[in-house]
Amino acid sequence: MCGLCGAFSGDNHWSTHIEDPEQAHHERRRARAYRAKLINRVLGPRRLVIEDFQASSFVLASATGKREIVEDLGGIWRQAEQLSGRELDPLDTEFLAALTG
């Protein structure tokens, strides 16, 4: 998907829902920043990083400079596997050790 299409797609993933519309904009940005921080901690051992893109999608980048736009959190894991070129097993003992170490 091109960047422009991703910017217009909306924020429909279940993880981005906020009840109070009064706080929606500020809370959404803070929540997205926090989620990106957590995701980067998980992706770090695989030399991948995620960045928020205009509060509408994410940009996933590899250490080699490959970049992909990911619309929501549901697509990050699949794209991370494609960019890294290998399956990412969240229960792999080496992977878990890298998270705690």
PDB file of N, CA and C in Angstrom:
ATOM      1  N   MET A   1       0.849  -1.173   0.000  1.00  0.00           N
ATOM      2  CA  MET A   1       0.000   0.000   0.000  1.00  0.00           C
ATOM      3  C   MET A   1       0.888   1.225   0.000  1.00  0.00           C
ATOM      4  N   CYS A   2       0.479   2.226  -0.740  1.00  0.00           N
ATOM      5  CA  CYS A   2       1.264   3.460  -0.776  1.00  0.00           C
ATOM      6  C   CYS A   2       0.990   4.285   0.476  1.00  0.00           C
ATOM      7  N   GLY A   3       1.857   5.209   0.760  1.00  0.00           N
ATOM      8  CA  GLY A   3       1.725   6.029   1.962  1.00  0.00           C
ATOM      9  C   GLY A   3       0.459   6.851   1.991  1.00  0.00           C
ATOM     10  N   LEU A   4       0.049   7.356   0.845  1.00  0.00           N
ATOM     11  CA  LEU A   4      -1.154   8.181   0.804  1.00  0.00           C
ATOM     12  C   LEU A   4      -2.395   7.361   1.148  1.00  0.00           C
ATOM     13  N   CYS A   5      -2.508   6.168   0.612  1.00  0.00           N
ATOM     14  CA  CYS A   5      -3.659   5.306   0.940  1.00  0.00           C
ATOM     15  C   CYS A   5      -3.665   4.972   2.425  1.00  0.00           C
ATOM     16  N   GLY A   6      -2.514   4.688   2.984  1.00  0.00           N
ATOM     17  CA  GLY A   6      -2.425   4.381   4.410  1.00  0.00           C
ATOM     18  C   GLY A   6      -2.854   5.553   5.270  1.00  0.00           C
ATOM     19  N   ALA A   7      -2.565   6.771   4.843  1.00  0.00           N
ATOM     20  CA  ALA A   7      -2.925   7.952   5.622  1.00  0.00           C
ATOM     21  C   ALA A   7      -4.432   8.166   5.656  1.00  0.00           C
ATOM     22  N   PHE A   8      -5.146   7.727   4.615  1.00  0.00           N
ATOM     23  CA  PHE A   8      -6.592   7.924   4.545  1.00  0.00           C
ATOM     24  C   PHE A   8      -7.389   6.742   5.086  1.00  0.00           C
ATOM     25  N   SER A   9      -6.728   5.678   5.480  1.00  0.00           N
ATOM     26  CA  SER A   9      -7.447   4.443   5.794  1.00  0.00           C
ATOM     27  C   SER A   9      -8.202   4.474   7.112  1.00  0.00           C
ATOM     28  N   GLY A  10      -7.868   5.323   8.042  1.00  0.00           N
ATOM     29  CA  GLY A  10      -8.592   5.361   9.308  1.00  0.00           C
ATOM     30  C   GLY A  10      -7.946   4.507  10.365  1.00  0.00           C
ATOM     31  N   ASP A  11      -8.549   4.522  11.524  1.00  0.00           N
ATOM     32  CA  ASP A  11      -7.982   3.868  12.700  1.00  0.00           C
ATOM     33  C   ASP A  11      -8.986   2.866  13.238  1.00  0.00           C
ATOM     34  N   ASN A  12      -9.189   1.747  12.544  1.00  0.00           N
ATOM     35  CA  ASN A  12     -10.251   0.813  12.876  1.00  0.00           C
ATOM     36  C   ASN A  12      -9.800  -0.415  13.651  1.00  0.00           C
ATOM     37  N   HIS A  13      -8.539  -0.553  13.962  1.00  0.00           N
ATOM     38  CA  HIS A  13      -8.081  -1.730  14.693  1.00  0.00           C
ATOM     39  C   HIS A  13      -8.596  -1.672  16.124  1.00  0.00           C
ATOM     40  N   TRP A  14      -8.963  -2.813  16.694  1.00  0.00           N
ATOM     41  CA  TRP A  14      -9.548  -2.859  18.043  1.00  0.00           C
ATOM     42  C   TRP A  14      -8.651  -2.222  19.095  1.00  0.00           C
ATOM     43  N   SER A  15      -7.337  -2.261  18.891  1.00  0.00           N
ATOM     44  CA  SER A  15      -6.409  -1.743  19.901  1.00  0.00           C
ATOM     45  C   SER A  15      -6.370  -0.221  19.957  1.00  0.00           C
ATOM     46  N   THR A  16      -6.989   0.445  19.004  1.00  0.00           N
ATOM     47  CA  THR A  16      -6.924   1.902  18.970  1.00  0.00           C
ATOM     48  C   THR A  16      -8.207   2.565  19.444  1.00  0.00           C
ATOM     49  N   HIS A  17      -9.173   1.796  19.892  1.00  0.00           N
ATOM     50  CA  HIS A  17     -10.467   2.345  20.300  1.00  0.00           C
ATOM     51  C   HIS A  17     -10.355   3.088  21.638  1.00  0.00           C
ATOM     52  N   ILE A  18     -10.892   4.310  21.676  1.00  0.00           N
ATOM     53  CA  ILE A  18     -10.923   5.113  22.899  1.00  0.00           C
ATOM     54  C   ILE A  18     -12.364   5.537  23.126  1.00  0.00           C
ATOM     55  N   GLU A  19     -12.878   5.330  24.334  1.00  0.00           N
ATOM     56  CA  GLU A  19     -14.282   5.598  24.640  1.00  0.00           C
ATOM     57  C   GLU A  19     -14.656   7.073  24.597  1.00  0.00           C
ATOM     58  N   ASP A  20     -13.892   7.935  25.229  1.00  0.00           N
ATOM     59  CA  ASP A  20     -14.250   9.338  25.403  1.00  0.00           C
ATOM     60  C   ASP A  20     -13.756  10.177  24.228  1.00  0.00           C
ATOM     61  N   PRO A  21     -14.668  10.683  23.380  1.00  0.00           N
ATOM     62  CA  PRO A  21     -14.224  11.477  22.232  1.00  0.00           C
ATOM     63  C   PRO A  21     -13.532  12.780  22.620  1.00  0.00           C
ATOM     64  N   GLU A  22     -13.787  13.293  23.830  1.00  0.00           N
ATOM     65  CA  GLU A  22     -13.125  14.518  24.293  1.00  0.00           C
ATOM     66  C   GLU A  22     -11.618  14.317  24.415  1.00  0.00           C
ATOM     67  N   GLN A  23     -11.208  13.120  24.799  1.00  0.00           N
ATOM     68  CA  GLN A  23      -9.785  12.832  25.011  1.00  0.00           C
ATOM     69  C   GLN A  23      -9.170  12.090  23.836  1.00  0.00           C
ATOM     70  N   ALA A  24      -9.948  11.832  22.817  1.00  0.00           N
ATOM     71  CA  ALA A  24      -9.528  10.943  21.740  1.00  0.00           C
ATOM     72  C   ALA A  24      -8.197  11.339  21.103  1.00  0.00           C
ATOM     73  N   HIS A  25      -8.043  12.566  20.671  1.00  0.00           N
ATOM     74  CA  HIS A  25      -6.834  12.958  19.944  1.00  0.00           C
ATOM     75  C   HIS A  25      -5.584  12.834  20.815  1.00  0.00           C
ATOM     76  N   HIS A  26      -5.609  13.443  21.987  1.00  0.00           N
ATOM     77  CA  HIS A  26      -4.447  13.420  22.873  1.00  0.00           C
ATOM     78  C   HIS A  26      -4.149  11.997  23.350  1.00  0.00           C
ATOM     79  N   GLU A  27      -5.171  11.290  23.777  1.00  0.00           N
ATOM     80  CA  GLU A  27      -4.990   9.924  24.275  1.00  0.00           C
ATOM     81  C   GLU A  27      -4.509   8.987  23.179  1.00  0.00           C
ATOM     82  N   ARG A  28      -5.044   9.150  21.980  1.00  0.00           N
ATOM     83  CA  ARG A  28      -4.653   8.266  20.874  1.00  0.00           C
ATOM     84  C   ARG A  28      -3.164   8.426  20.572  1.00  0.00           C
ATOM     85  N   ARG A  29      -2.697   9.660  20.530  1.00  0.00           N
ATOM     86  CA  ARG A  29      -1.264   9.876  20.252  1.00  0.00           C
ATOM     87  C   ARG A  29      -0.381   9.316  21.360  1.00  0.00           C
ATOM     88  N   ARG A  30      -0.786   9.537  22.614  1.00  0.00           N
ATOM     89  CA  ARG A  30      -0.005   9.009  23.730  1.00  0.00           C
ATOM     90  C   ARG A  30      -0.025   7.482  23.737  1.00  0.00           C
ATOM     91  N   ALA A  31      -1.187   6.900  23.481  1.00  0.00           N
ATOM     92  CA  ALA A  31      -1.304   5.438  23.450  1.00  0.00           C
ATOM     93  C   ALA A  31      -0.495   4.852  22.300  1.00  0.00           C
ATOM     94  N   ARG A  32      -0.524   5.495  21.148  1.00  0.00           N
ATOM     95  CA  ARG A  32       0.255   5.009  19.998  1.00  0.00           C
ATOM     96  C   ARG A  32       1.755   5.071  20.284  1.00  0.00           C
ATOM     97  N   ALA A  33       2.200   6.140  20.925  1.00  0.00           N
ATOM     98  CA  ALA A  33       3.622   6.263  21.271  1.00  0.00           C
ATOM     99  C   ALA A  33       4.033   5.168  22.252  1.00  0.00           C
ATOM    100  N   TYR A  34       3.169   4.882  23.212  1.00  0.00           N
ATOM    101  CA  TYR A  34       3.468   3.835  24.186  1.00  0.00           C
ATOM    102  C   TYR A  34       3.506   2.460  23.512  1.00  0.00           C
ATOM    103  N   ARG A  35       2.533   2.180  22.637  1.00  0.00           N
ATOM    104  CA  ARG A  35       2.525   0.901  21.923  1.00  0.00           C
ATOM    105  C   ARG A  35       3.761   0.761  21.045  1.00  0.00           C
ATOM    106  N   ALA A  36       4.149   1.837  20.378  1.00  0.00           N
ATOM    107  CA  ALA A  36       5.344   1.783  19.531  1.00  0.00           C
ATOM    108  C   ALA A  36       6.586   1.480  20.367  1.00  0.00           C
ATOM    109  N   LYS A  37       6.665   2.055  21.555  1.00  0.00           N
ATOM    110  CA  LYS A  37       7.797   1.797  22.450  1.00  0.00           C
ATOM    111  C   LYS A  37       7.845   0.316  22.840  1.00  0.00           C
ATOM    112  N   LEU A  38       6.699  -0.248  23.192  1.00  0.00           N
ATOM    113  CA  LEU A  38       6.645  -1.668  23.558  1.00  0.00           C
ATOM    114  C   LEU A  38       6.977  -2.568  22.372  1.00  0.00           C
ATOM    115  N   ILE A  39       6.427  -2.237  21.221  1.00  0.00           N
ATOM    116  CA  ILE A  39       6.683  -3.038  20.015  1.00  0.00           C
ATOM    117  C   ILE A  39       8.161  -2.987  19.653  1.00  0.00           C
ATOM    118  N   ASN A  40       8.777  -1.817  19.780  1.00  0.00           N
ATOM    119  CA  ASN A  40      10.202  -1.707  19.475  1.00  0.00           C
ATOM    120  C   ASN A  40      11.047  -2.546  20.422  1.00  0.00           C
ATOM    121  N   ARG A  41      10.602  -2.673  21.648  1.00  0.00           N
ATOM    122  CA  ARG A  41      11.329  -3.539  22.585  1.00  0.00           C
ATOM    123  C   ARG A  41      11.267  -4.996  22.127  1.00  0.00           C
ATOM    124  N   VAL A  42      10.121  -5.399  21.604  1.00  0.00           N
ATOM    125  CA  VAL A  42       9.957  -6.769  21.118  1.00  0.00           C
ATOM    126  C   VAL A  42      10.697  -6.979  19.805  1.00  0.00           C
ATOM    127  N   LEU A  43      10.670  -5.998  18.920  1.00  0.00           N
ATOM    128  CA  LEU A  43      11.307  -6.142  17.610  1.00  0.00           C
ATOM    129  C   LEU A  43      12.808  -5.880  17.636  1.00  0.00           C
ATOM    130  N   GLY A  44      13.297  -5.215  18.677  1.00  0.00           N
ATOM    131  CA  GLY A  44      14.711  -4.857  18.770  1.00  0.00           C
ATOM    132  C   GLY A  44      15.678  -6.010  18.568  1.00  0.00           C
ATOM    133  N   PRO A  45      15.462  -7.170  19.219  1.00  0.00           N
ATOM    134  CA  PRO A  45      16.391  -8.286  19.016  1.00  0.00           C
ATOM    135  C   PRO A  45      16.456  -8.769  17.570  1.00  0.00           C
ATOM    136  N   ARG A  46      15.438  -8.459  16.783  1.00  0.00           N
ATOM    137  CA  ARG A  46      15.419  -8.839  15.362  1.00  0.00           C
ATOM    138  C   ARG A  46      15.892  -7.698  14.461  1.00  0.00           C
ATOM    139  N   ARG A  47      16.409  -6.635  15.090  1.00  0.00           N
ATOM    140  CA  ARG A  47      16.954  -5.477  14.380  1.00  0.00           C
ATOM    141  C   ARG A  47      15.899  -4.808  13.493  1.00  0.00           C
ATOM    142  N   LEU A  48      14.696  -4.701  14.027  1.00  0.00           N
ATOM    143  CA  LEU A  48      13.599  -4.013  13.368  1.00  0.00           C
ATOM    144  C   LEU A  48      13.114  -2.897  14.277  1.00  0.00           C
ATOM    145  N   VAL A  49      12.553  -1.858  13.677  1.00  0.00           N
ATOM    146  CA  VAL A  49      12.038  -0.733  14.455  1.00  0.00           C
ATOM    147  C   VAL A  49      10.737  -0.256  13.812  1.00  0.00           C
ATOM    148  N   ILE A  50       9.828   0.204  14.657  1.00  0.00           N
ATOM    149  CA  ILE A  50       8.542   0.718  14.178  1.00  0.00           C
ATOM    150  C   ILE A  50       8.435   2.188  14.562  1.00  0.00           C
ATOM    151  N   GLU A  51       7.862   2.992  13.666  1.00  0.00           N
ATOM    152  CA  GLU A  51       7.643   4.415  13.928  1.00  0.00           C
ATOM    153  C   GLU A  51       6.200   4.747  13.595  1.00  0.00           C
ATOM    154  N   ASP A  52       5.625   5.660  14.358  1.00  0.00           N
ATOM    155  CA  ASP A  52       4.281   6.133  14.069  1.00  0.00           C
ATOM    156  C   ASP A  52       4.332   7.003  12.817  1.00  0.00           C
ATOM    157  N   PHE A  53       3.353   6.857  11.949  1.00  0.00           N
ATOM    158  CA  PHE A  53       3.271   7.662  10.734  1.00  0.00           C
ATOM    159  C   PHE A  53       1.980   8.460  10.766  1.00  0.00           C
ATOM    160  N   GLN A  54       2.072   9.716  11.163  1.00  0.00           N
ATOM    161  CA  GLN A  54       0.970  10.661  11.181  1.00  0.00           C
ATOM    162  C   GLN A  54      -0.263  10.149  11.930  1.00  0.00           C
ATOM    163  N   ALA A  55      -0.038   9.379  12.969  1.00  0.00           N
ATOM    164  CA  ALA A  55      -1.105   8.834  13.819  1.00  0.00           C
ATOM    165  C   ALA A  55      -2.151   8.050  13.038  1.00  0.00           C
ATOM    166  N   SER A  56      -1.775   7.529  11.861  1.00  0.00           N
ATOM    167  CA  SER A  56      -2.739   6.774  11.076  1.00  0.00           C
ATOM    168  C   SER A  56      -2.232   5.388  10.700  1.00  0.00           C
ATOM    169  N   SER A  57      -0.933   5.187  10.699  1.00  0.00           N
ATOM    170  CA  SER A  57      -0.339   3.893  10.391  1.00  0.00           C
ATOM    171  C   SER A  57       1.060   3.868  11.000  1.00  0.00           C
ATOM    172  N   PHE A  58       1.802   2.821  10.722  1.00  0.00           N
ATOM    173  CA  PHE A  58       3.159   2.681  11.238  1.00  0.00           C
ATOM    174  C   PHE A  58       4.107   2.422  10.079  1.00  0.00           C
ATOM    175  N   VAL A  59       5.373   2.775  10.273  1.00  0.00           N
ATOM    176  CA  VAL A  59       6.422   2.431   9.315  1.00  0.00           C
ATOM    177  C   VAL A  59       7.353   1.457  10.024  1.00  0.00           C
ATOM    178  N   LEU A  60       7.500   0.293   9.441  1.00  0.00           N
ATOM    179  CA  LEU A  60       8.381  -0.740   9.965  1.00  0.00           C
ATOM    180  C   LEU A  60       9.657  -0.706   9.144  1.00  0.00           C
ATOM    181  N   ALA A  61      10.810  -0.642   9.812  1.00  0.00           N
ATOM    182  CA  ALA A  61      12.092  -0.544   9.113  1.00  0.00           C
ATOM    183  C   ALA A  61      13.055  -1.608   9.606  1.00  0.00           C
ATOM    184  N   SER A  62      13.852  -2.121   8.680  1.00  0.00           N
ATOM    185  CA  SER A  62      14.880  -3.101   9.025  1.00  0.00           C
ATOM    186  C   SER A  62      16.226  -2.398   9.148  1.00  0.00           C
ATOM    187  N   ALA A  63      17.195  -3.110   9.669  1.00  0.00           N
ATOM    188  CA  ALA A  63      18.541  -2.557   9.819  1.00  0.00           C
ATOM    189  C   ALA A  63      19.203  -2.318   8.467  1.00  0.00           C
ATOM    190  N   THR A  64      18.707  -2.976   7.423  1.00  0.00           N
ATOM    191  CA  THR A  64      19.285  -2.815   6.087  1.00  0.00           C
ATOM    192  C   THR A  64      18.629  -1.682   5.298  1.00  0.00           C
ATOM    193  N   GLY A  65      17.649  -1.006   5.917  1.00  0.00           N
ATOM    194  CA  GLY A  65      17.015   0.129   5.265  1.00  0.00           C
ATOM    195  C   GLY A  65      15.696  -0.169   4.579  1.00  0.00           C
ATOM    196  N   LYS A  66      15.263  -1.419   4.587  1.00  0.00           N
ATOM    197  CA  LYS A  66      13.955  -1.739   4.022  1.00  0.00           C
ATOM    198  C   LYS A  66      12.885  -1.109   4.901  1.00  0.00           C
ATOM    199  N   ARG A  67      11.840  -0.571   4.261  1.00  0.00           N
ATOM    200  CA  ARG A  67      10.757   0.082   4.996  1.00  0.00           C
ATOM    201  C   ARG A  67       9.422  -0.356   4.418  1.00  0.00           C
ATOM    202  N   GLU A  68       8.456  -0.569   5.307  1.00  0.00           N
ATOM    203  CA  GLU A  68       7.107  -0.947   4.894  1.00  0.00           C
ATOM    204  C   GLU A  68       6.106  -0.180   5.745  1.00  0.00           C
ATOM    205  N   ILE A  69       5.023   0.266   5.117  1.00  0.00           N
ATOM    206  CA  ILE A  69       3.936   0.883   5.869  1.00  0.00           C
ATOM    207  C   ILE A  69       3.011  -0.227   6.341  1.00  0.00           C
ATOM    208  N   VAL A  70       2.672  -0.172   7.619  1.00  0.00           N
ATOM    209  CA  VAL A  70       1.767  -1.146   8.231  1.00  0.00           C
ATOM    210  C   VAL A  70       0.565  -0.374   8.747  1.00  0.00           C
ATOM    211  N   GLU A  71      -0.620  -0.793   8.343  1.00  0.00           N
ATOM    212  CA  GLU A  71      -1.819  -0.029   8.668  1.00  0.00           C
ATOM    213  C   GLU A  71      -2.150  -0.062  10.156  1.00  0.00           C
ATOM    214  N   ASP A  72      -2.016  -1.214  10.791  1.00  0.00           N
ATOM    215  CA  ASP A  72      -2.383  -1.311  12.202  1.00  0.00           C
ATOM    216  C   ASP A  72      -1.531  -2.371  12.894  1.00  0.00           C
ATOM    217  N   LEU A  73      -1.747  -2.543  14.180  1.00  0.00           N
ATOM    218  CA  LEU A  73      -0.951  -3.491  14.959  1.00  0.00           C
ATOM    219  C   LEU A  73      -1.103  -4.924  14.461  1.00  0.00           C
ATOM    220  N   GLY A  74      -2.250  -5.242  13.897  1.00  0.00           N
ATOM    221  CA  GLY A  74      -2.484  -6.592  13.395  1.00  0.00           C
ATOM    222  C   GLY A  74      -1.543  -6.998  12.280  1.00  0.00           C
ATOM    223  N   GLY A  75      -1.005  -6.048  11.536  1.00  0.00           N
ATOM    224  CA  GLY A  75      -0.127  -6.368  10.419  1.00  0.00           C
ATOM    225  C   GLY A  75       1.354  -6.315  10.727  1.00  0.00           C
ATOM    226  N   ILE A  76       1.707  -5.867  11.911  1.00  0.00           N
ATOM    227  CA  ILE A  76       3.129  -5.674  12.226  1.00  0.00           C
ATOM    228  C   ILE A  76       3.902  -6.988  12.239  1.00  0.00           C
ATOM    229  N   TRP A  77       3.366  -8.006  12.888  1.00  0.00           N
ATOM    230  CA  TRP A  77       4.108  -9.267  13.018  1.00  0.00           C
ATOM    231  C   TRP A  77       4.381  -9.886  11.657  1.00  0.00           C
ATOM    232  N   ARG A  78       3.354  -9.921  10.792  1.00  0.00           N
ATOM    233  CA  ARG A  78       3.501 -10.495   9.447  1.00  0.00           C
ATOM    234  C   ARG A  78       4.554  -9.723   8.644  1.00  0.00           C
ATOM    235  N   GLN A  79       4.493  -8.390   8.690  1.00  0.00           N
ATOM    236  CA  GLN A  79       5.468  -7.572   7.968  1.00  0.00           C
ATOM    237  C   GLN A  79       6.869  -7.735   8.558  1.00  0.00           C
ATOM    238  N   ALA A  80       6.959  -7.880   9.873  1.00  0.00           N
ATOM    239  CA  ALA A  80       8.265  -8.079  10.517  1.00  0.00           C
ATOM    240  C   ALA A  80       8.892  -9.377  10.027  1.00  0.00           C
ATOM    241  N   GLU A  81       8.090 -10.411   9.874  1.00  0.00           N
ATOM    242  CA  GLU A  81       8.616 -11.672   9.354  1.00  0.00           C
ATOM    243  C   GLU A  81       9.088 -11.510   7.910  1.00  0.00           C
ATOM    244  N   GLN A  82       8.323 -10.778   7.113  1.00  0.00           N
ATOM    245  CA  GLN A  82       8.718 -10.570   5.721  1.00  0.00           C
ATOM    246  C   GLN A  82      10.001  -9.748   5.618  1.00  0.00           C
ATOM    247  N   LEU A  83      10.110  -8.689   6.413  1.00  0.00           N
ATOM    248  CA  LEU A  83      11.314  -7.853   6.344  1.00  0.00           C
ATOM    249  C   LEU A  83      12.549  -8.575   6.872  1.00  0.00           C
ATOM    250  N   SER A  84      12.368  -9.367   7.918  1.00  0.00           N
ATOM    251  CA  SER A  84      13.518 -10.061   8.486  1.00  0.00           C
ATOM    252  C   SER A  84      13.890 -11.306   7.686  1.00  0.00           C
ATOM    253  N   GLY A  85      12.957 -11.805   6.878  1.00  0.00           N
ATOM    254  CA  GLY A  85      13.236 -12.983   6.072  1.00  0.00           C
ATOM    255  C   GLY A  85      13.170 -14.287   6.838  1.00  0.00           C
ATOM    256  N   ARG A  86      12.596 -14.237   8.025  1.00  0.00           N
ATOM    257  CA  ARG A  86      12.461 -15.475   8.800  1.00  0.00           C
ATOM    258  C   ARG A  86      11.252 -15.386   9.732  1.00  0.00           C
ATOM    259  N   GLU A  87      10.798 -16.557  10.139  1.00  0.00           N
ATOM    260  CA  GLU A  87       9.657 -16.628  11.038  1.00  0.00           C
ATOM    261  C   GLU A  87      10.054 -16.126  12.421  1.00  0.00           C
ATOM    262  N   LEU A  88       9.189 -15.340  13.021  1.00  0.00           N
ATOM    263  CA  LEU A  88       9.437 -14.826  14.361  1.00  0.00           C
ATOM    264  C   LEU A  88       8.552 -15.597  15.333  1.00  0.00           C
ATOM    265  N   ASP A  89       9.153 -16.454  16.111  1.00  0.00           N
ATOM    266  CA  ASP A  89       8.422 -17.277  17.066  1.00  0.00           C
ATOM    267  C   ASP A  89       8.454 -16.598  18.426  1.00  0.00           C
ATOM    268  N   PRO A  90       7.316 -16.103  18.920  1.00  0.00           N
ATOM    269  CA  PRO A  90       7.310 -15.396  20.205  1.00  0.00           C
ATOM    270  C   PRO A  90       7.606 -16.301  21.396  1.00  0.00           C
ATOM    271  N   LEU A  91       7.611 -17.610  21.202  1.00  0.00           N
ATOM    272  CA  LEU A  91       7.917 -18.531  22.295  1.00  0.00           C
ATOM    273  C   LEU A  91       9.312 -19.130  22.201  1.00  0.00           C
ATOM    274  N   ASP A  92      10.086 -18.698  21.220  1.00  0.00           N
ATOM    275  CA  ASP A  92      11.461 -19.164  21.069  1.00  0.00           C
ATOM    276  C   ASP A  92      12.273 -18.745  22.291  1.00  0.00           C
ATOM    277  N   THR A  93      13.021 -19.672  22.869  1.00  0.00           N
ATOM    278  CA  THR A  93      13.757 -19.380  24.105  1.00  0.00           C
ATOM    279  C   THR A  93      14.812 -18.287  23.908  1.00  0.00           C
ATOM    280  N   GLU A  94      15.498 -18.272  22.763  1.00  0.00           N
ATOM    281  CA  GLU A  94      16.483 -17.221  22.508  1.00  0.00           C
ATOM    282  C   GLU A  94      15.809 -15.864  22.377  1.00  0.00           C
ATOM    283  N   PHE A  95      14.668 -15.841  21.738  1.00  0.00           N
ATOM    284  CA  PHE A  95      13.912 -14.607  21.572  1.00  0.00           C
ATOM    285  C   PHE A  95      13.464 -14.083  22.941  1.00  0.00           C
ATOM    286  N   LEU A  96      12.932 -14.949  23.774  1.00  0.00           N
ATOM    287  CA  LEU A  96      12.496 -14.549  25.117  1.00  0.00           C
ATOM    288  C   LEU A  96      13.663 -14.093  25.982  1.00  0.00           C
ATOM    289  N   ALA A  97      14.808 -14.750  25.831  1.00  0.00           N
ATOM    290  CA  ALA A  97      15.993 -14.358  26.599  1.00  0.00           C
ATOM    291  C   ALA A  97      16.457 -12.957  26.172  1.00  0.00           C
ATOM    292  N   ALA A  98      16.368 -12.654  24.879  1.00  0.00           N
ATOM    293  CA  ALA A  98      16.764 -11.328  24.410  1.00  0.00           C
ATOM    294  C   ALA A  98      15.847 -10.234  24.961  1.00  0.00           C
ATOM    295  N   LEU A  99      14.586 -10.574  25.182  1.00  0.00           N
ATOM    296  CA  LEU A  99      13.645  -9.592  25.746  1.00  0.00           C
ATOM    297  C   LEU A  99      13.913  -9.312  27.214  1.00  0.00           C
ATOM    298  N   THR A 100      14.336 -10.314  27.944  1.00  0.00           N
ATOM    299  CA  THR A 100      14.557 -10.149  29.392  1.00  0.00           C
ATOM    300  C   THR A 100      15.974  -9.722  29.714  1.00  0.00           C
ATOM    301  N   GLY A 101      16.875  -9.856  28.755  1.00  0.00           N
ATOM    302  CA  GLY A 101      18.286  -9.575  29.006  1.00  0.00           C
ATOM    303  C   GLY A 101      18.709  -8.185  28.827  1.00  0.00           C
TER     304      GLY A 101
END
